[in-house]
Protein backbone atom coordinates (compact mmCIF):
# COMPACT_ATOMS: atom_id res chain seq x y z
CA MET A 1 0.00 0.00 0.00
CA LYS A 2 1.49 3.32 -1.08
CA LEU A 3 1.30 6.01 1.56
CA THR A 4 -0.33 9.25 0.46
CA PRO A 5 -0.91 12.52 2.32
CA LYS A 6 -4.62 11.64 2.59
CA LYS A 7 -3.87 8.24 4.18
CA LEU A 8 -1.32 9.78 6.55
CA ASN A 9 -3.78 12.49 7.62
CA MET A 10 -6.40 9.80 8.31
CA PHE A 11 -3.79 7.90 10.35
CA THR A 12 -3.05 11.09 12.30
CA MET A 13 -6.75 11.62 13.03
CA LEU A 14 -7.26 8.04 14.23
CA LYS A 15 -3.96 7.26 15.98
CA LEU A 16 -2.52 10.69 16.91
CA PRO A 17 -5.57 12.78 17.80
CA SER A 18 -3.64 15.48 19.69
CA ALA A 19 -1.49 16.14 16.59
CA PHE A 20 -4.60 16.18 14.40
CA LEU A 21 -6.44 18.61 16.70
CA CYS A 22 -3.38 20.89 16.73
CA GLY A 23 -3.48 21.02 12.92
CA VAL A 24 -0.58 18.75 11.90
CA ARG A 25 -1.17 17.76 8.25
CA THR A 26 0.92 15.89 5.70
CA LYS A 27 1.11 17.75 2.38
CA PHE A 28 3.58 15.67 0.35
CA ILE A 29 5.51 12.40 0.55
CA ASN A 30 7.73 10.53 -1.87
CA GLU A 31 10.75 8.24 -1.47
CA GLU A 32 13.12 11.04 -0.49
CA LYS A 33 11.05 13.78 1.11
CA CYS A 34 8.08 14.40 3.37
CA ILE A 35 6.42 17.78 3.96
CA VAL A 36 4.17 18.37 6.98
CA THR A 37 2.50 21.67 7.89
CA VAL A 38 0.94 23.12 11.00
CA LYS A 39 -0.69 26.52 11.41
CA HIS A 40 -0.37 28.67 14.51
CA ARG A 41 -3.79 28.77 16.16
CA TRP A 42 -5.24 29.35 19.59
CA ILE A 43 -5.19 25.63 20.45
CA ASN A 44 -1.45 25.22 19.79
CA GLN A 45 -0.04 28.50 21.06
CA ASN A 46 2.17 29.20 24.04
CA PRO A 47 1.73 32.18 26.41
CA PHE A 48 3.97 34.28 24.12
CA LYS A 49 1.48 34.04 21.22
CA SER A 50 3.61 31.77 19.06
CA MET A 51 3.41 28.04 18.38
CA PHE A 52 4.23 25.78 21.35
CA TRP A 53 7.52 23.95 20.82
CA ALA A 54 5.90 20.53 21.33
CA VAL A 55 3.45 21.12 18.46
CA GLN A 56 6.40 21.97 16.21
CA GLY A 57 8.01 18.75 17.46
CA MET A 58 4.96 16.69 16.53
CA ALA A 59 4.98 18.02 12.98
CA ALA A 60 8.75 17.64 12.64
CA GLU A 61 8.76 14.09 14.01
CA PHE A 62 5.90 13.09 11.73
CA SER A 63 7.82 14.30 8.68
CA THR A 64 10.64 11.88 9.57
CA GLY A 65 8.40 9.08 10.85
CA ALA A 66 6.15 9.04 7.79
CA LEU A 67 9.20 8.45 5.60
CA MET A 68 10.29 5.66 7.96
CA ILE A 69 6.84 4.02 7.84
CA ALA A 70 6.75 4.21 4.03
CA LYS A 71 10.21 2.68 3.65
CA ILE A 72 9.50 -0.12 6.14
CA GLN A 73 6.24 -0.98 4.32
CA ALA A 74 8.06 -0.99 0.98
CA SER A 75 10.72 -3.35 2.35
CA GLY A 76 8.11 -6.03 3.06
CA LYS A 77 9.91 -6.86 6.32
CA ARG A 78 8.56 -6.70 9.87
CA ILE A 79 10.66 -3.90 11.36
CA SER A 80 10.11 -1.97 14.57
CA MET A 81 10.92 1.73 14.79
CA LEU A 82 11.45 4.04 17.75
CA VAL A 83 12.77 7.54 18.37
CA THR A 84 15.60 7.14 20.87
CA THR A 85 17.00 10.69 21.01
CA ASN A 86 16.10 14.10 19.70
CA ASN A 87 17.26 17.69 19.84
CA ALA A 88 15.98 20.96 18.48
CA SER A 89 16.94 24.56 17.96
CA PHE A 90 14.56 27.50 17.68
CA THR A 91 15.64 30.59 15.77
CA LYS A 92 12.44 32.65 15.34
CA LYS A 93 8.93 32.83 16.76
CA ALA A 94 6.69 30.33 14.99
CA THR A 95 3.59 32.16 13.81
CA GLY A 96 1.44 31.60 10.75
CA LYS A 97 1.81 28.40 8.74
CA ILE A 98 5.00 26.44 9.48
CA THR A 99 6.20 23.87 6.94
CA PHE A 100 8.46 21.04 8.12
CA THR A 101 10.49 19.23 5.49
CA CYS A 102 12.57 16.09 5.88
CA ASN A 103 14.79 15.17 2.91
CA ASP A 104 16.43 12.10 4.47
CA GLY A 105 14.54 9.24 2.80
CA ASN A 106 17.74 7.91 1.26
CA LEU A 107 19.29 7.37 4.71
CA ILE A 108 16.53 4.93 5.64
CA ASP A 109 17.27 2.58 2.73
CA ASP A 110 20.82 1.99 3.96
CA ALA A 111 19.74 1.41 7.57
CA ILE A 112 17.00 -1.06 6.58
CA ALA A 113 19.36 -2.97 4.28
CA LYS A 114 21.96 -3.22 7.04
CA ALA A 115 19.37 -4.28 9.65
CA VAL A 116 18.03 -7.02 7.35
CA GLU A 117 21.54 -8.18 6.39
CA THR A 118 23.00 -8.30 9.92
CA GLY A 119 19.89 -8.92 12.01
CA GLU A 120 21.13 -6.18 14.35
CA GLY A 121 19.37 -2.98 15.28
CA GLN A 122 20.44 0.16 13.45
CA THR A 123 20.20 3.85 14.26
CA LEU A 124 20.09 6.87 12.02
CA TRP A 125 19.68 10.60 12.48
CA MET A 126 17.05 12.43 10.46
CA LYS A 127 16.53 16.20 10.26
CA SER A 128 13.35 18.20 9.78
CA GLU A 129 13.50 21.93 9.21
CA GLY A 130 10.54 24.22 9.88
CA VAL A 131 10.12 27.40 7.85
CA ASN A 132 7.49 30.11 8.05
CA GLU A 133 5.50 31.57 5.17
CA GLU A 134 8.36 33.97 4.37
CA GLY A 135 10.76 31.04 3.99
CA ILE A 136 12.64 31.85 7.20
CA VAL A 137 13.78 28.89 9.33
CA VAL A 138 12.01 28.97 12.70
CA SER A 139 13.15 25.60 14.07
CA THR A 140 15.27 22.59 13.25
CA PHE A 141 14.65 19.17 14.79
CA ASN A 142 16.93 16.13 14.70
CA PHE A 143 15.60 12.68 15.56
CA GLU A 144 17.61 9.54 16.15
CA TRP A 145 15.55 6.60 14.94
CA SER A 146 16.28 3.03 15.97
CA ILE A 147 15.09 0.20 13.76
CA LYS A 148 15.23 -3.54 14.26
CA VAL A 149 13.97 -6.51 12.27
CA LYS A 150 11.36 -8.36 14.29
CA SER A 151 11.94 -12.08 14.73
C-alpha cells in the first residue's frame, strides 16, 4: 500500500488525535522527502502568542516518521521503529503556517538494508527543518531513529 498525504492524515486523526487537533497535516511524501505543515492557532499556542515547541516537534517528528513508515512498508519486512534521542533549535517565533520538510529518505534505505543483512538494530539521524511563510527557518529538529527486524 502506497502512503499518500490523505492516508497519513487519516492515520493522524485516528492514531494521533492530539497532533490532528493541533493542525498537523501531511502535504507531500515521496521516497526522499516528506512535507508536513501546522498553522499557529489558539489551540497550539504558548503564552507568548507563538506556536508551542511541542506542536512543532509533533509536525517535525511526523515528517521523519512518515518516511520511515513508508520505507518499512516498501521493504516487506517486519521492522520496529522508535525515536531514541532528539534535539531541536529554535531561531524565530513560529507564527502563521509552518512547513516542516525532511529530505532524508535515502538514509533509511541503507539502515534497513543493514538491519536485514545483519539482524542487528540500526540507528540513524534524520533532520526536519521548519520554515514560516516567508521562507525563514524557525526551528530545526533532529531525531535519532532506531530500527530492528522483528523475529
